[in-house]
Amino acid sequence: MAKYVNKESLTEMIYNELKISRKDAGHAVERIFQEMTDALANDGEIDIAGFGKFVIFNRKERMGINPVTKERMMINATKLPKFKPSQTLKNICNKK
């Protein structure tokens, strides 16, 4: 079965590995994700060696079709986070 990772499992792992309180482990996990969110929200980058890089991708304004009314409509430009895995992570996933 594939391993499932979320904030709770990360908190539990930190709690067990570092022998700190669950509250402190939870705060650490929340703080890490908040820092990553703040960086991306301010057009920054997240570069974690051996894991990958998160960057902001600017999607241009484009024409779309409303699926209900079939009317053509303009879809506004948006910013999206994009993940680029490192070669190390790619190799691990492919067991090279």
PDB file of N, CA and C in Angstrom:
ATOM      1  N   MET A   1       0.841  -1.191   0.000  1.00  0.00           N
ATOM      2  CA  MET A   1       0.000   0.000   0.000  1.00  0.00           C
ATOM      3  C   MET A   1       0.881   1.247   0.000  1.00  0.00           C
ATOM      4  N   ALA A   2       0.490   2.240  -0.758  1.00  0.00           N
ATOM      5  CA  ALA A   2       1.245   3.485  -0.852  1.00  0.00           C
ATOM      6  C   ALA A   2       1.141   4.269   0.451  1.00  0.00           C
ATOM      7  N   LYS A   3       2.192   4.967   0.766  1.00  0.00           N
ATOM      8  CA  LYS A   3       2.220   5.785   1.971  1.00  0.00           C
ATOM      9  C   LYS A   3       1.482   7.086   1.705  1.00  0.00           C
ATOM     10  N   TYR A   4       0.676   7.518   2.663  1.00  0.00           N
ATOM     11  CA  TYR A   4      -0.085   8.756   2.572  1.00  0.00           C
ATOM     12  C   TYR A   4       0.490   9.742   3.578  1.00  0.00           C
ATOM     13  N   VAL A   5       0.853  10.936   3.119  1.00  0.00           N
ATOM     14  CA  VAL A   5       1.448  11.946   3.987  1.00  0.00           C
ATOM     15  C   VAL A   5       0.562  13.184   3.998  1.00  0.00           C
ATOM     16  N   ASN A   6       0.241  13.658   5.200  1.00  0.00           N
ATOM     17  CA  ASN A   6      -0.475  14.917   5.364  1.00  0.00           C
ATOM     18  C   ASN A   6       0.108  15.639   6.577  1.00  0.00           C
ATOM     19  N   LYS A   7      -0.473  16.762   6.962  1.00  0.00           N
ATOM     20  CA  LYS A   7       0.072  17.533   8.081  1.00  0.00           C
ATOM     21  C   LYS A   7       0.077  16.724   9.372  1.00  0.00           C
ATOM     22  N   GLU A   8      -0.966  15.951   9.591  1.00  0.00           N
ATOM     23  CA  GLU A   8      -1.048  15.160  10.821  1.00  0.00           C
ATOM     24  C   GLU A   8       0.043  14.090  10.873  1.00  0.00           C
ATOM     25  N   SER A   9       0.303  13.444   9.740  1.00  0.00           N
ATOM     26  CA  SER A   9       1.338  12.411   9.729  1.00  0.00           C
ATOM     27  C   SER A   9       2.725  13.035   9.879  1.00  0.00           C
ATOM     28  N   LEU A  10       2.927  14.214   9.309  1.00  0.00           N
ATOM     29  CA  LEU A  10       4.199  14.909   9.496  1.00  0.00           C
ATOM     30  C   LEU A  10       4.389  15.312  10.954  1.00  0.00           C
ATOM     31  N   THR A  11       3.322  15.798  11.575  1.00  0.00           N
ATOM     32  CA  THR A  11       3.374  16.163  12.997  1.00  0.00           C
ATOM     33  C   THR A  11       3.733  14.956  13.843  1.00  0.00           C
ATOM     34  N   GLU A  12       3.106  13.830  13.571  1.00  0.00           N
ATOM     35  CA  GLU A  12       3.360  12.596  14.320  1.00  0.00           C
ATOM     36  C   GLU A  12       4.805  12.132  14.130  1.00  0.00           C
ATOM     37  N   MET A  13       5.322  12.232  12.913  1.00  0.00           N
ATOM     38  CA  MET A  13       6.695  11.829  12.631  1.00  0.00           C
ATOM     39  C   MET A  13       7.681  12.716  13.401  1.00  0.00           C
ATOM     40  N   ILE A  14       7.451  14.028  13.384  1.00  0.00           N
ATOM     41  CA  ILE A  14       8.325  14.951  14.115  1.00  0.00           C
ATOM     42  C   ILE A  14       8.245  14.696  15.614  1.00  0.00           C
ATOM     43  N   TYR A  15       7.046  14.465  16.119  1.00  0.00           N
ATOM     44  CA  TYR A  15       6.836  14.149  17.536  1.00  0.00           C
ATOM     45  C   TYR A  15       7.644  12.909  17.932  1.00  0.00           C
ATOM     46  N   ASN A  16       7.587  11.858  17.122  1.00  0.00           N
ATOM     47  CA  ASN A  16       8.292  10.609  17.433  1.00  0.00           C
ATOM     48  C   ASN A  16       9.803  10.726  17.259  1.00  0.00           C
ATOM     49  N   GLU A  17      10.243  11.396  16.208  1.00  0.00           N
ATOM     50  CA  GLU A  17      11.682  11.481  15.909  1.00  0.00           C
ATOM     51  C   GLU A  17      12.422  12.437  16.846  1.00  0.00           C
ATOM     52  N   LEU A  18      11.818  13.592  17.110  1.00  0.00           N
ATOM     53  CA  LEU A  18      12.518  14.627  17.876  1.00  0.00           C
ATOM     54  C   LEU A  18      12.165  14.636  19.368  1.00  0.00           C
ATOM     55  N   LYS A  19      11.181  13.821  19.733  1.00  0.00           N
ATOM     56  CA  LYS A  19      10.766  13.718  21.145  1.00  0.00           C
ATOM     57  C   LYS A  19      10.360  15.082  21.711  1.00  0.00           C
ATOM     58  N   ILE A  20       9.599  15.843  20.914  1.00  0.00           N
ATOM     59  CA  ILE A  20       9.038  17.101  21.404  1.00  0.00           C
ATOM     60  C   ILE A  20       7.531  16.908  21.524  1.00  0.00           C
ATOM     61  N   SER A  21       6.851  17.850  22.135  1.00  0.00           N
ATOM     62  CA  SER A  21       5.405  17.695  22.331  1.00  0.00           C
ATOM     63  C   SER A  21       4.684  17.711  20.985  1.00  0.00           C
ATOM     64  N   ARG A  22       3.513  17.088  20.957  1.00  0.00           N
ATOM     65  CA  ARG A  22       2.711  17.086  19.732  1.00  0.00           C
ATOM     66  C   ARG A  22       2.341  18.517  19.342  1.00  0.00           C
ATOM     67  N   LYS A  23       2.067  19.339  20.344  1.00  0.00           N
ATOM     68  CA  LYS A  23       1.704  20.735  20.083  1.00  0.00           C
ATOM     69  C   LYS A  23       2.859  21.462  19.390  1.00  0.00           C
ATOM     70  N   ASP A  24       4.085  21.294  19.893  1.00  0.00           N
ATOM     71  CA  ASP A  24       5.243  21.942  19.285  1.00  0.00           C
ATOM     72  C   ASP A  24       5.524  21.376  17.889  1.00  0.00           C
ATOM     73  N   ALA A  25       5.348  20.074  17.722  1.00  0.00           N
ATOM     74  CA  ALA A  25       5.554  19.452  16.415  1.00  0.00           C
ATOM     75  C   ALA A  25       4.530  19.988  15.414  1.00  0.00           C
ATOM     76  N   GLY A  26       3.276  20.106  15.842  1.00  0.00           N
ATOM     77  CA  GLY A  26       2.219  20.651  14.988  1.00  0.00           C
ATOM     78  C   GLY A  26       2.500  22.094  14.610  1.00  0.00           C
ATOM     79  N   HIS A  27       2.983  22.865  15.589  1.00  0.00           N
ATOM     80  CA  HIS A  27       3.320  24.264  15.328  1.00  0.00           C
ATOM     81  C   HIS A  27       4.457  24.348  14.306  1.00  0.00           C
ATOM     82  N   ALA A  28       5.464  23.486  14.411  1.00  0.00           N
ATOM     83  CA  ALA A  28       6.584  23.482  13.480  1.00  0.00           C
ATOM     84  C   ALA A  28       6.108  23.187  12.054  1.00  0.00           C
ATOM     85  N   VAL A  29       5.241  22.194  11.909  1.00  0.00           N
ATOM     86  CA  VAL A  29       4.721  21.839  10.588  1.00  0.00           C
ATOM     87  C   VAL A  29       3.915  23.008  10.014  1.00  0.00           C
ATOM     88  N   GLU A  30       3.040  23.588  10.826  1.00  0.00           N
ATOM     89  CA  GLU A  30       2.239  24.726  10.372  1.00  0.00           C
ATOM     90  C   GLU A  30       3.122  25.886   9.957  1.00  0.00           C
ATOM     91  N   ARG A  31       4.165  26.147  10.730  1.00  0.00           N
ATOM     92  CA  ARG A  31       5.068  27.272  10.454  1.00  0.00           C
ATOM     93  C   ARG A  31       5.818  27.072   9.139  1.00  0.00           C
ATOM     94  N   ILE A  32       6.248  25.840   8.878  1.00  0.00           N
ATOM     95  CA  ILE A  32       6.946  25.540   7.630  1.00  0.00           C
ATOM     96  C   ILE A  32       6.030  25.806   6.433  1.00  0.00           C
ATOM     97  N   PHE A  33       4.801  25.302   6.499  1.00  0.00           N
ATOM     98  CA  PHE A  33       3.877  25.497   5.388  1.00  0.00           C
ATOM     99  C   PHE A  33       3.466  26.956   5.244  1.00  0.00           C
ATOM    100  N   GLN A  34       3.368  27.676   6.343  1.00  0.00           N
ATOM    101  CA  GLN A  34       3.040  29.098   6.272  1.00  0.00           C
ATOM    102  C   GLN A  34       4.160  29.867   5.584  1.00  0.00           C
ATOM    103  N   GLU A  35       5.402  29.545   5.913  1.00  0.00           N
ATOM    104  CA  GLU A  35       6.548  30.206   5.281  1.00  0.00           C
ATOM    105  C   GLU A  35       6.582  29.917   3.781  1.00  0.00           C
ATOM    106  N   MET A  36       6.280  28.684   3.390  1.00  0.00           N
ATOM    107  CA  MET A  36       6.250  28.318   1.981  1.00  0.00           C
ATOM    108  C   MET A  36       5.116  29.061   1.262  1.00  0.00           C
ATOM    109  N   THR A  37       3.960  29.129   1.890  1.00  0.00           N
ATOM    110  CA  THR A  37       2.811  29.834   1.315  1.00  0.00           C
ATOM    111  C   THR A  37       3.121  31.312   1.137  1.00  0.00           C
ATOM    112  N   ASP A  38       3.719  31.925   2.161  1.00  0.00           N
ATOM    113  CA  ASP A  38       4.069  33.351   2.082  1.00  0.00           C
ATOM    114  C   ASP A  38       5.051  33.617   0.946  1.00  0.00           C
ATOM    115  N   ALA A  39       6.023  32.747   0.772  1.00  0.00           N
ATOM    116  CA  ALA A  39       7.018  32.925  -0.289  1.00  0.00           C
ATOM    117  C   ALA A  39       6.338  32.895  -1.665  1.00  0.00           C
ATOM    118  N   LEU A  40       5.474  31.920  -1.887  1.00  0.00           N
ATOM    119  CA  LEU A  40       4.804  31.806  -3.182  1.00  0.00           C
ATOM    120  C   LEU A  40       3.810  32.942  -3.399  1.00  0.00           C
ATOM    121  N   ALA A  41       3.113  33.360  -2.346  1.00  0.00           N
ATOM    122  CA  ALA A  41       2.145  34.448  -2.462  1.00  0.00           C
ATOM    123  C   ALA A  41       2.817  35.760  -2.842  1.00  0.00           C
ATOM    124  N   ASN A  42       4.100  35.894  -2.519  1.00  0.00           N
ATOM    125  CA  ASN A  42       4.854  37.107  -2.837  1.00  0.00           C
ATOM    126  C   ASN A  42       5.784  36.899  -4.029  1.00  0.00           C
ATOM    127  N   ASP A  43       5.380  36.014  -4.955  1.00  0.00           N
ATOM    128  CA  ASP A  43       6.125  35.719  -6.186  1.00  0.00           C
ATOM    129  C   ASP A  43       7.532  35.196  -5.937  1.00  0.00           C
ATOM    130  N   GLY A  44       7.749  34.579  -4.787  1.00  0.00           N
ATOM    131  CA  GLY A  44       9.044  33.995  -4.483  1.00  0.00           C
ATOM    132  C   GLY A  44       9.133  32.566  -4.985  1.00  0.00           C
ATOM    133  N   GLU A  45      10.209  31.902  -4.619  1.00  0.00           N
ATOM    134  CA  GLU A  45      10.425  30.504  -4.984  1.00  0.00           C
ATOM    135  C   GLU A  45      10.752  29.701  -3.741  1.00  0.00           C
ATOM    136  N   ILE A  46      10.485  28.421  -3.799  1.00  0.00           N
ATOM    137  CA  ILE A  46      10.874  27.493  -2.745  1.00  0.00           C
ATOM    138  C   ILE A  46      11.780  26.479  -3.412  1.00  0.00           C
ATOM    139  N   ASP A  47      13.013  26.383  -2.947  1.00  0.00           N
ATOM    140  CA  ASP A  47      13.980  25.465  -3.542  1.00  0.00           C
ATOM    141  C   ASP A  47      14.538  24.573  -2.440  1.00  0.00           C
ATOM    142  N   ILE A  48      14.138  23.313  -2.425  1.00  0.00           N
ATOM    143  CA  ILE A  48      14.559  22.367  -1.404  1.00  0.00           C
ATOM    144  C   ILE A  48      15.483  21.350  -2.082  1.00  0.00           C
ATOM    145  N   ALA A  49      16.762  21.432  -1.756  1.00  0.00           N
ATOM    146  CA  ALA A  49      17.772  20.573  -2.382  1.00  0.00           C
ATOM    147  C   ALA A  49      17.409  19.104  -2.200  1.00  0.00           C
ATOM    148  N   GLY A  50      17.513  18.341  -3.267  1.00  0.00           N
ATOM    149  CA  GLY A  50      17.225  16.917  -3.227  1.00  0.00           C
ATOM    150  C   GLY A  50      15.747  16.587  -3.316  1.00  0.00           C
ATOM    151  N   PHE A  51      14.883  17.607  -3.316  1.00  0.00           N
ATOM    152  CA  PHE A  51      13.441  17.382  -3.383  1.00  0.00           C
ATOM    153  C   PHE A  51      12.860  18.046  -4.619  1.00  0.00           C
ATOM    154  N   GLY A  52      13.006  19.364  -4.718  1.00  0.00           N
ATOM    155  CA  GLY A  52      12.485  20.054  -5.881  1.00  0.00           C
ATOM    156  C   GLY A  52      12.287  21.529  -5.633  1.00  0.00           C
ATOM    157  N   LYS A  53      11.622  22.151  -6.587  1.00  0.00           N
ATOM    158  CA  LYS A  53      11.454  23.594  -6.568  1.00  0.00           C
ATOM    159  C   LYS A  53       9.993  23.935  -6.840  1.00  0.00           C
ATOM    160  N   PHE A  54       9.438  24.863  -6.064  1.00  0.00           N
ATOM    161  CA  PHE A  54       8.114  25.392  -6.305  1.00  0.00           C
ATOM    162  C   PHE A  54       8.290  26.799  -6.860  1.00  0.00           C
ATOM    163  N   VAL A  55       7.638  27.077  -7.969  1.00  0.00           N
ATOM    164  CA  VAL A  55       7.705  28.403  -8.583  1.00  0.00           C
ATOM    165  C   VAL A  55       6.289  28.850  -8.938  1.00  0.00           C
ATOM    166  N   ILE A  56       6.139  30.153  -9.179  1.00  0.00           N
ATOM    167  CA  ILE A  56       4.849  30.683  -9.605  1.00  0.00           C
ATOM    168  C   ILE A  56       4.822  30.706 -11.129  1.00  0.00           C
ATOM    169  N   PHE A  57       3.763  30.150 -11.689  1.00  0.00           N
ATOM    170  CA  PHE A  57       3.541  30.108 -13.135  1.00  0.00           C
ATOM    171  C   PHE A  57       2.423  31.088 -13.447  1.00  0.00           C
ATOM    172  N   ASN A  58       2.670  32.002 -14.364  1.00  0.00           N
ATOM    173  CA  ASN A  58       1.667  32.983 -14.773  1.00  0.00           C
ATOM    174  C   ASN A  58       0.878  32.444 -15.964  1.00  0.00           C
ATOM    175  N   ARG A  59      -0.376  32.105 -15.714  1.00  0.00           N
ATOM    176  CA  ARG A  59      -1.241  31.625 -16.793  1.00  0.00           C
ATOM    177  C   ARG A  59      -1.867  32.853 -17.455  1.00  0.00           C
ATOM    178  N   LYS A  60      -1.759  32.958 -18.760  1.00  0.00           N
ATOM    179  CA  LYS A  60      -2.273  34.109 -19.505  1.00  0.00           C
ATOM    180  C   LYS A  60      -3.793  34.082 -19.575  1.00  0.00           C
ATOM    181  N   GLU A  61      -4.355  35.260 -19.824  1.00  0.00           N
ATOM    182  CA  GLU A  61      -5.790  35.367 -20.066  1.00  0.00           C
ATOM    183  C   GLU A  61      -6.101  34.569 -21.330  1.00  0.00           C
ATOM    184  N   ARG A  62      -7.240  33.867 -21.323  1.00  0.00           N
ATOM    185  CA  ARG A  62      -7.554  33.033 -22.476  1.00  0.00           C
ATOM    186  C   ARG A  62      -9.065  32.934 -22.679  1.00  0.00           C
ATOM    187  N   MET A  63      -9.432  32.516 -23.858  1.00  0.00           N
ATOM    188  CA  MET A  63     -10.843  32.353 -24.195  1.00  0.00           C
ATOM    189  C   MET A  63     -11.281  30.955 -23.778  1.00  0.00           C
ATOM    190  N   GLY A  64     -12.462  30.877 -23.167  1.00  0.00           N
ATOM    191  CA  GLY A  64     -13.020  29.597 -22.756  1.00  0.00           C
ATOM    192  C   GLY A  64     -14.476  29.502 -23.159  1.00  0.00           C
ATOM    193  N   ILE A  65     -15.095  28.381 -22.849  1.00  0.00           N
ATOM    194  CA  ILE A  65     -16.505  28.171 -23.175  1.00  0.00           C
ATOM    195  C   ILE A  65     -17.229  27.744 -21.906  1.00  0.00           C
ATOM    196  N   ASN A  66     -18.328  28.422 -21.596  1.00  0.00           N
ATOM    197  CA  ASN A  66     -19.162  28.046 -20.468  1.00  0.00           C
ATOM    198  C   ASN A  66     -19.822  26.714 -20.816  1.00  0.00           C
ATOM    199  N   PRO A  67     -19.580  25.648 -20.017  1.00  0.00           N
ATOM    200  CA  PRO A  67     -20.107  24.326 -20.379  1.00  0.00           C
ATOM    201  C   PRO A  67     -21.636  24.236 -20.313  1.00  0.00           C
ATOM    202  N   VAL A  68     -22.278  25.120 -19.560  1.00  0.00           N
ATOM    203  CA  VAL A  68     -23.739  25.080 -19.432  1.00  0.00           C
ATOM    204  C   VAL A  68     -24.409  25.813 -20.589  1.00  0.00           C
ATOM    205  N   THR A  69     -23.961  27.062 -20.825  1.00  0.00           N
ATOM    206  CA  THR A  69     -24.613  27.897 -21.843  1.00  0.00           C
ATOM    207  C   THR A  69     -23.933  27.827 -23.203  1.00  0.00           C
ATOM    208  N   LYS A  70     -22.750  27.241 -23.274  1.00  0.00           N
ATOM    209  CA  LYS A  70     -21.936  27.136 -24.497  1.00  0.00           C
ATOM    210  C   LYS A  70     -21.482  28.510 -25.011  1.00  0.00           C
ATOM    211  N   GLU A  71     -21.597  29.534 -24.176  1.00  0.00           N
ATOM    212  CA  GLU A  71     -21.137  30.874 -24.560  1.00  0.00           C
ATOM    213  C   GLU A  71     -19.631  30.964 -24.422  1.00  0.00           C
ATOM    214  N   ARG A  72     -19.012  31.704 -25.342  1.00  0.00           N
ATOM    215  CA  ARG A  72     -17.580  31.975 -25.233  1.00  0.00           C
ATOM    216  C   ARG A  72     -17.399  33.044 -24.160  1.00  0.00           C
ATOM    217  N   MET A  73     -16.355  32.889 -23.365  1.00  0.00           N
ATOM    218  CA  MET A  73     -16.101  33.855 -22.304  1.00  0.00           C
ATOM    219  C   MET A  73     -14.606  33.978 -22.068  1.00  0.00           C
ATOM    220  N   MET A  74     -14.195  35.126 -21.575  1.00  0.00           N
ATOM    221  CA  MET A  74     -12.786  35.365 -21.294  1.00  0.00           C
ATOM    222  C   MET A  74     -12.479  34.860 -19.886  1.00  0.00           C
ATOM    223  N   ILE A  75     -11.425  34.051 -19.754  1.00  0.00           N
ATOM    224  CA  ILE A  75     -10.963  33.561 -18.452  1.00  0.00           C
ATOM    225  C   ILE A  75      -9.769  34.420 -18.062  1.00  0.00           C
ATOM    226  N   ASN A  76      -9.854  35.034 -16.897  1.00  0.00           N
ATOM    227  CA  ASN A  76      -8.813  35.956 -16.441  1.00  0.00           C
ATOM    228  C   ASN A  76      -7.471  35.258 -16.235  1.00  0.00           C
ATOM    229  N   ALA A  77      -6.408  36.049 -16.332  1.00  0.00           N
ATOM    230  CA  ALA A  77      -5.061  35.548 -16.050  1.00  0.00           C
ATOM    231  C   ALA A  77      -4.978  35.178 -14.566  1.00  0.00           C
ATOM    232  N   THR A  78      -4.219  34.142 -14.268  1.00  0.00           N
ATOM    233  CA  THR A  78      -4.042  33.710 -12.879  1.00  0.00           C
ATOM    234  C   THR A  78      -2.596  33.309 -12.631  1.00  0.00           C
ATOM    235  N   LYS A  79      -2.255  33.253 -11.364  1.00  0.00           N
ATOM    236  CA  LYS A  79      -0.942  32.766 -10.945  1.00  0.00           C
ATOM    237  C   LYS A  79      -1.153  31.419 -10.271  1.00  0.00           C
ATOM    238  N   LEU A  80      -0.337  30.440 -10.650  1.00  0.00           N
ATOM    239  CA  LEU A  80      -0.462  29.098 -10.099  1.00  0.00           C
ATOM    240  C   LEU A  80       0.890  28.611  -9.594  1.00  0.00           C
ATOM    241  N   PRO A  81       0.916  27.903  -8.469  1.00  0.00           N
ATOM    242  CA  PRO A  81       2.172  27.285  -8.051  1.00  0.00           C
ATOM    243  C   PRO A  81       2.443  26.062  -8.918  1.00  0.00           C
ATOM    244  N   LYS A  82       3.707  25.866  -9.242  1.00  0.00           N
ATOM    245  CA  LYS A  82       4.111  24.736 -10.067  1.00  0.00           C
ATOM    246  C   LYS A  82       5.298  24.061  -9.384  1.00  0.00           C
ATOM    247  N   PHE A  83       5.322  22.746  -9.404  1.00  0.00           N
ATOM    248  CA  PHE A  83       6.396  21.988  -8.768  1.00  0.00           C
ATOM    249  C   PHE A  83       7.271  21.352  -9.825  1.00  0.00           C
ATOM    250  N   LYS A  84       8.588  21.519  -9.665  1.00  0.00           N
ATOM    251  CA  LYS A  84       9.562  20.879 -10.545  1.00  0.00           C
ATOM    252  C   LYS A  84      10.420  19.968  -9.674  1.00  0.00           C
ATOM    253  N   PRO A  85      10.260  18.646  -9.796  1.00  0.00           N
ATOM    254  CA  PRO A  85      11.043  17.732  -8.961  1.00  0.00           C
ATOM    255  C   PRO A  85      12.519  17.773  -9.319  1.00  0.00           C
ATOM    256  N   SER A  86      13.366  17.548  -8.303  1.00  0.00           N
ATOM    257  CA  SER A  86      14.809  17.493  -8.548  1.00  0.00           C
ATOM    258  C   SER A  86      15.154  16.166  -9.217  1.00  0.00           C
ATOM    259  N   GLN A  87      16.326  16.111  -9.811  1.00  0.00           N
ATOM    260  CA  GLN A  87      16.772  14.865 -10.441  1.00  0.00           C
ATOM    261  C   GLN A  87      16.915  13.771  -9.382  1.00  0.00           C
ATOM    262  N   THR A  88      17.335  14.134  -8.181  1.00  0.00           N
ATOM    263  CA  THR A  88      17.462  13.167  -7.084  1.00  0.00           C
ATOM    264  C   THR A  88      16.115  12.524  -6.791  1.00  0.00           C
ATOM    265  N   LEU A  89      15.062  13.337  -6.670  1.00  0.00           N
ATOM    266  CA  LEU A  89      13.724  12.812  -6.394  1.00  0.00           C
ATOM    267  C   LEU A  89      13.234  11.940  -7.555  1.00  0.00           C
ATOM    268  N   LYS A  90      13.487  12.370  -8.777  1.00  0.00           N
ATOM    269  CA  LYS A  90      13.100  11.576  -9.940  1.00  0.00           C
ATOM    270  C   LYS A  90      13.765  10.205  -9.911  1.00  0.00           C
ATOM    271  N   ASN A  91      15.058  10.195  -9.591  1.00  0.00           N
ATOM    272  CA  ASN A  91      15.798   8.930  -9.537  1.00  0.00           C
ATOM    273  C   ASN A  91      15.266   8.018  -8.436  1.00  0.00           C
ATOM    274  N   ILE A  92      14.958   8.587  -7.278  1.00  0.00           N
ATOM    275  CA  ILE A  92      14.412   7.785  -6.175  1.00  0.00           C
ATOM    276  C   ILE A  92      13.063   7.193  -6.567  1.00  0.00           C
ATOM    277  N   CYS A  93      12.219   8.001  -7.184  1.00  0.00           N
ATOM    278  CA  CYS A  93      10.884   7.522  -7.593  1.00  0.00           C
ATOM    279  C   CYS A  93      10.979   6.419  -8.660  1.00  0.00           C
ATOM    280  N   ASN A  94      12.016   6.499  -9.476  1.00  0.00           N
ATOM    281  CA  ASN A  94      12.220   5.483 -10.510  1.00  0.00           C
ATOM    282  C   ASN A  94      13.219   4.421 -10.113  1.00  0.00           C
ATOM    283  N   LYS A  95      13.673   4.476  -8.859  1.00  0.00           N
ATOM    284  CA  LYS A  95      14.597   3.496  -8.272  1.00  0.00           C
ATOM    285  C   LYS A  95      15.841   3.292  -9.127  1.00  0.00           C
ATOM    286  N   LYS A  96      16.449   4.434  -9.517  1.00  0.00           N
ATOM    287  CA  LYS A  96      17.681   4.373 -10.310  1.00  0.00           C
ATOM    288  C   LYS A  96      18.890   4.392  -9.410  1.00  0.00           C
TER     289      LYS A  96
END
